Amino acid sequence: MIRVSLGLVALFGAALLAPPAGAASVSKTYSYFTIGGVTLEEIETELNTRGPHVNSTGRRHPGATQMEFTTRLGYTTTARGCSLTKVQVTVDAKVILPRWRHRSTANGDTALVWDTLSADIKRHEESHIVIAKNHARELEDQLKTIGRQKDCETAASRAKTITDEVLARHDAAQDRFDRIEGINFESRLLRLLQYRIGNAPAKRPEG
């Protein structure tokens, strides 16, 4: 699950002083919430009651990613009009993941399910970041096509329109990803468990 906010920074300057356009980039930080429980049912209850609250769904989730898009635009004015001379989009992602306090003392079966589940939660949240980075690159590419406008107000208006359109596609892609992941959750987890069991090292017989 994701929470997204947007920051816009406009920079005005002369063409010779404007820095070169940058590439879309992502910074990631991780934080954790601790859950208890011993059985799988208790773990599920803990995730549902202690997981991060996501405003878009109105409920708690096993993991979440807070993302902020920041768009920095540099404008240069001449007698011929106003042009964008700097375009840079960055994504600041804050990933929130669960940590089970009883992992070190858990029995083998419960530990296996937990390890599989927690790895899938992390993969899910990091997939949200990949989607965001792809749209950040798209946003940069689209903004670079604006070209020279009659004035900076017109250029800024065009930049806002493009930004709104790309971020709308971003939100739709994130929602679509969540829907597909939700539908496939049980079959995906079972498949991952079977894979882990099949690749677990065989125990040597004692004696």
Protein backbone atom coordinates (compact mmCIF):
# COMPACT_ATOMS: atom_id res chain seq x y z
CA MET A 1 0.00 0.00 0.00
CA ILE A 2 1.18 3.54 -0.70
CA ARG A 3 0.67 7.11 0.38
CA VAL A 4 1.80 9.75 -2.10
CA SER A 5 2.39 13.49 -1.83
CA LEU A 6 3.78 15.98 -4.34
CA GLY A 7 6.22 18.86 -4.04
CA LEU A 8 6.87 21.40 -6.79
CA VAL A 9 9.90 23.70 -6.82
CA ALA A 10 10.29 26.38 -9.50
CA LEU A 11 13.72 27.91 -10.13
CA PHE A 12 14.31 30.98 -12.30
CA GLY A 13 17.70 32.02 -13.68
CA ALA A 14 19.83 32.87 -16.70
CA ALA A 15 20.67 30.23 -19.25
CA LEU A 16 24.40 30.26 -18.50
CA LEU A 17 23.75 29.78 -14.80
CA ALA A 18 21.19 27.00 -15.07
CA PRO A 19 22.49 23.56 -14.01
CA PRO A 20 22.10 20.64 -16.43
CA ALA A 21 18.91 18.58 -16.31
CA GLY A 22 19.14 15.69 -13.89
CA ALA A 23 17.77 12.18 -14.06
CA ALA A 24 14.83 10.90 -12.04
CA SER A 25 16.11 9.43 -8.79
CA VAL A 26 14.72 7.60 -5.78
CA SER A 27 15.84 7.65 -2.17
CA LYS A 28 14.64 4.91 0.18
CA THR A 29 14.49 4.65 3.96
CA TYR A 30 13.12 1.81 6.06
CA SER A 31 11.34 1.75 9.39
CA TYR A 32 9.76 -1.13 11.27
CA PHE A 33 6.85 -1.84 13.58
CA THR A 34 7.09 -4.75 15.98
CA ILE A 35 4.43 -7.43 16.32
CA GLY A 36 3.94 -10.25 18.81
CA GLY A 37 1.92 -13.42 18.62
CA VAL A 38 2.96 -17.04 18.55
CA THR A 39 0.53 -18.78 16.22
CA LEU A 40 -0.19 -17.77 12.62
CA GLU A 41 -3.64 -16.57 13.67
CA GLU A 42 -2.12 -14.34 16.35
CA ILE A 43 0.43 -12.97 13.89
CA GLU A 44 -2.35 -12.10 11.45
CA THR A 45 -4.26 -10.31 14.22
CA GLU A 46 -1.14 -8.37 15.20
CA LEU A 47 -0.54 -7.27 11.59
CA ASN A 48 -4.16 -6.13 11.29
CA THR A 49 -4.04 -4.12 14.53
CA ARG A 50 -0.46 -2.77 14.54
CA GLY A 51 0.26 -2.28 10.85
CA PRO A 52 0.50 1.23 9.36
CA HIS A 53 -2.80 2.98 8.72
CA VAL A 54 -3.32 3.98 5.08
CA ASN A 55 -5.73 6.87 4.57
CA SER A 56 -6.71 5.82 1.04
CA THR A 57 -8.15 2.53 2.31
CA GLY A 58 -9.11 3.59 5.82
CA ARG A 59 -7.51 0.52 7.39
CA ARG A 60 -4.21 -0.94 8.52
CA HIS A 61 -1.90 -2.97 6.31
CA PRO A 62 1.03 -5.38 6.86
CA GLY A 63 3.31 -2.83 5.18
CA ALA A 64 3.16 0.60 3.59
CA THR A 65 5.24 3.01 1.55
CA GLN A 66 5.00 6.77 1.89
CA MET A 67 6.20 8.52 -1.26
CA GLU A 68 6.80 12.15 -2.08
CA PHE A 69 7.40 13.34 -5.63
CA THR A 70 9.44 16.53 -5.90
CA THR A 71 9.70 18.30 -9.26
CA ARG A 72 12.37 20.98 -9.68
CA LEU A 73 11.97 23.17 -12.72
CA GLY A 74 14.41 25.86 -13.87
CA TYR A 75 13.07 28.57 -16.20
CA THR A 76 15.09 30.93 -18.39
CA THR A 77 13.60 34.06 -19.90
CA THR A 78 14.83 35.80 -23.06
CA ALA A 79 13.36 38.25 -25.52
CA ARG A 80 11.97 35.26 -27.42
CA GLY A 81 10.06 33.80 -24.46
CA CYS A 82 10.51 31.39 -21.56
CA SER A 83 12.08 27.93 -21.65
CA LEU A 84 12.67 25.15 -19.16
CA THR A 85 16.41 24.73 -18.67
CA LYS A 86 16.29 22.40 -15.67
CA VAL A 87 13.99 19.45 -15.11
CA GLN A 88 14.54 17.05 -12.24
CA VAL A 89 12.07 14.70 -10.56
CA THR A 90 12.92 12.88 -7.36
CA VAL A 91 10.97 10.37 -5.29
CA ASP A 92 11.46 10.09 -1.54
CA ALA A 93 10.16 6.69 -0.40
CA LYS A 94 9.70 5.67 3.23
CA VAL A 95 9.01 1.96 3.57
CA ILE A 96 7.30 0.62 6.69
CA LEU A 97 7.71 -3.13 7.33
CA PRO A 98 6.80 -5.57 10.12
CA ARG A 99 9.29 -7.18 12.48
CA TRP A 100 8.24 -10.26 14.49
CA ARG A 101 9.72 -10.32 17.96
CA HIS A 102 9.38 -14.09 18.37
CA ARG A 103 11.14 -15.10 15.15
CA SER A 104 14.23 -16.50 16.90
CA THR A 105 12.20 -18.85 19.13
CA ALA A 106 9.49 -19.86 16.66
CA ASN A 107 8.93 -23.46 15.60
CA GLY A 108 10.08 -24.43 12.13
CA ASP A 109 6.72 -24.37 10.36
CA THR A 110 5.64 -21.00 11.75
CA ALA A 111 9.07 -19.51 11.04
CA LEU A 112 8.88 -20.74 7.45
CA VAL A 113 5.50 -19.13 6.88
CA TRP A 114 6.65 -15.89 8.52
CA ASP A 115 9.85 -15.68 6.49
CA THR A 116 7.88 -16.25 3.30
CA LEU A 117 5.22 -13.71 4.23
CA SER A 118 7.62 -10.98 5.38
CA ALA A 119 9.73 -11.37 2.23
CA ASP A 120 6.61 -11.03 0.10
CA ILE A 121 5.51 -7.91 2.00
CA LYS A 122 8.91 -6.31 1.37
CA ARG A 123 8.82 -7.28 -2.32
CA HIS A 124 5.33 -5.79 -2.61
CA GLU A 125 6.33 -2.45 -1.11
CA GLU A 126 9.51 -2.20 -3.16
CA SER A 127 7.47 -2.91 -6.30
CA HIS A 128 5.49 0.24 -5.49
CA ILE A 129 8.78 2.14 -5.57
CA VAL A 130 9.67 0.71 -8.98
CA ILE A 131 6.31 1.89 -10.32
CA ALA A 132 6.95 5.35 -8.87
CA LYS A 133 10.44 5.56 -10.37
CA ASN A 134 9.14 4.59 -13.81
CA HIS A 135 6.55 7.36 -13.66
CA ALA A 136 9.11 9.84 -12.34
CA ARG A 137 11.20 9.15 -15.44
CA GLU A 138 8.12 9.52 -17.63
CA LEU A 139 7.34 12.83 -15.94
CA GLU A 140 10.85 14.13 -16.59
CA ASP A 141 10.70 13.09 -20.23
CA GLN A 142 7.31 14.72 -20.72
CA LEU A 143 8.35 17.96 -19.04
CA LYS A 144 11.40 18.22 -21.29
CA THR A 145 9.11 18.40 -24.33
CA ILE A 146 7.49 21.66 -23.26
CA GLY A 147 9.95 23.80 -25.22
CA ARG A 148 9.89 27.57 -25.42
CA GLN A 149 6.65 29.32 -24.42
CA LYS A 150 5.60 32.96 -24.71
CA ASP A 151 6.14 33.50 -20.96
CA CYS A 152 7.02 31.55 -17.83
CA GLU A 153 3.42 31.56 -16.60
CA THR A 154 2.42 29.63 -19.71
CA ALA A 155 5.35 27.25 -19.31
CA ALA A 156 4.49 26.66 -15.64
CA SER A 157 0.85 26.03 -16.51
CA ARG A 158 1.87 23.48 -19.12
CA ALA A 159 4.22 21.84 -16.60
CA LYS A 160 1.40 21.53 -14.06
CA THR A 161 -0.92 19.95 -16.63
CA ILE A 162 1.70 17.38 -17.58
CA THR A 163 2.49 16.66 -13.94
CA ASP A 164 -1.18 16.12 -13.07
CA GLU A 165 -1.63 13.77 -16.03
CA VAL A 166 1.45 11.64 -15.27
CA LEU A 167 0.70 11.42 -11.57
CA ALA A 168 -2.88 10.38 -12.34
CA ARG A 169 -1.49 7.53 -14.44
CA HIS A 170 0.91 6.73 -11.60
CA ASP A 171 -1.92 6.51 -9.07
CA ALA A 172 -3.94 4.29 -11.42
CA ALA A 173 -0.94 1.98 -11.93
CA GLN A 174 -0.39 1.69 -8.18
CA ASP A 175 -4.06 0.90 -7.56
CA ARG A 176 -4.05 -1.68 -10.35
CA PHE A 177 -0.95 -3.33 -8.87
CA ASP A 178 -2.60 -3.56 -5.43
CA ARG A 179 -5.74 -5.10 -6.89
CA ILE A 180 -3.82 -7.77 -8.79
CA GLU A 181 -1.62 -8.55 -5.79
CA GLY A 182 -4.67 -8.85 -3.55
CA ILE A 183 -6.43 -11.26 -5.90
CA ASN A 184 -3.34 -13.45 -6.24
CA PHE A 185 -2.20 -13.30 -2.61
CA GLU A 186 -3.15 -16.80 -1.44
CA SER A 187 -1.95 -18.61 -4.56
CA ARG A 188 1.26 -16.57 -4.59
CA LEU A 189 2.04 -17.29 -0.93
CA LEU A 190 1.35 -21.00 -1.39
CA ARG A 191 3.64 -21.10 -4.41
CA LEU A 192 6.39 -19.31 -2.50
CA LEU A 193 6.02 -21.70 0.42
CA GLN A 194 6.26 -24.69 -1.88
CA TYR A 195 9.38 -23.22 -3.44
CA ARG A 196 11.03 -22.66 -0.06
CA ILE A 197 10.14 -26.15 1.13
CA GLY A 198 11.46 -27.67 -2.07
CA ASN A 199 14.74 -25.77 -1.76
CA ALA A 200 15.28 -26.28 1.96
CA PRO A 201 18.46 -28.25 2.78
CA ALA A 202 17.75 -31.85 3.64
CA LYS A 203 18.29 -32.82 7.27
CA ARG A 204 20.91 -35.45 7.91
CA PRO A 205 19.67 -38.52 9.79
CA GLU A 206 20.94 -38.70 13.36
CA GLY A 207 23.01 -41.54 14.68
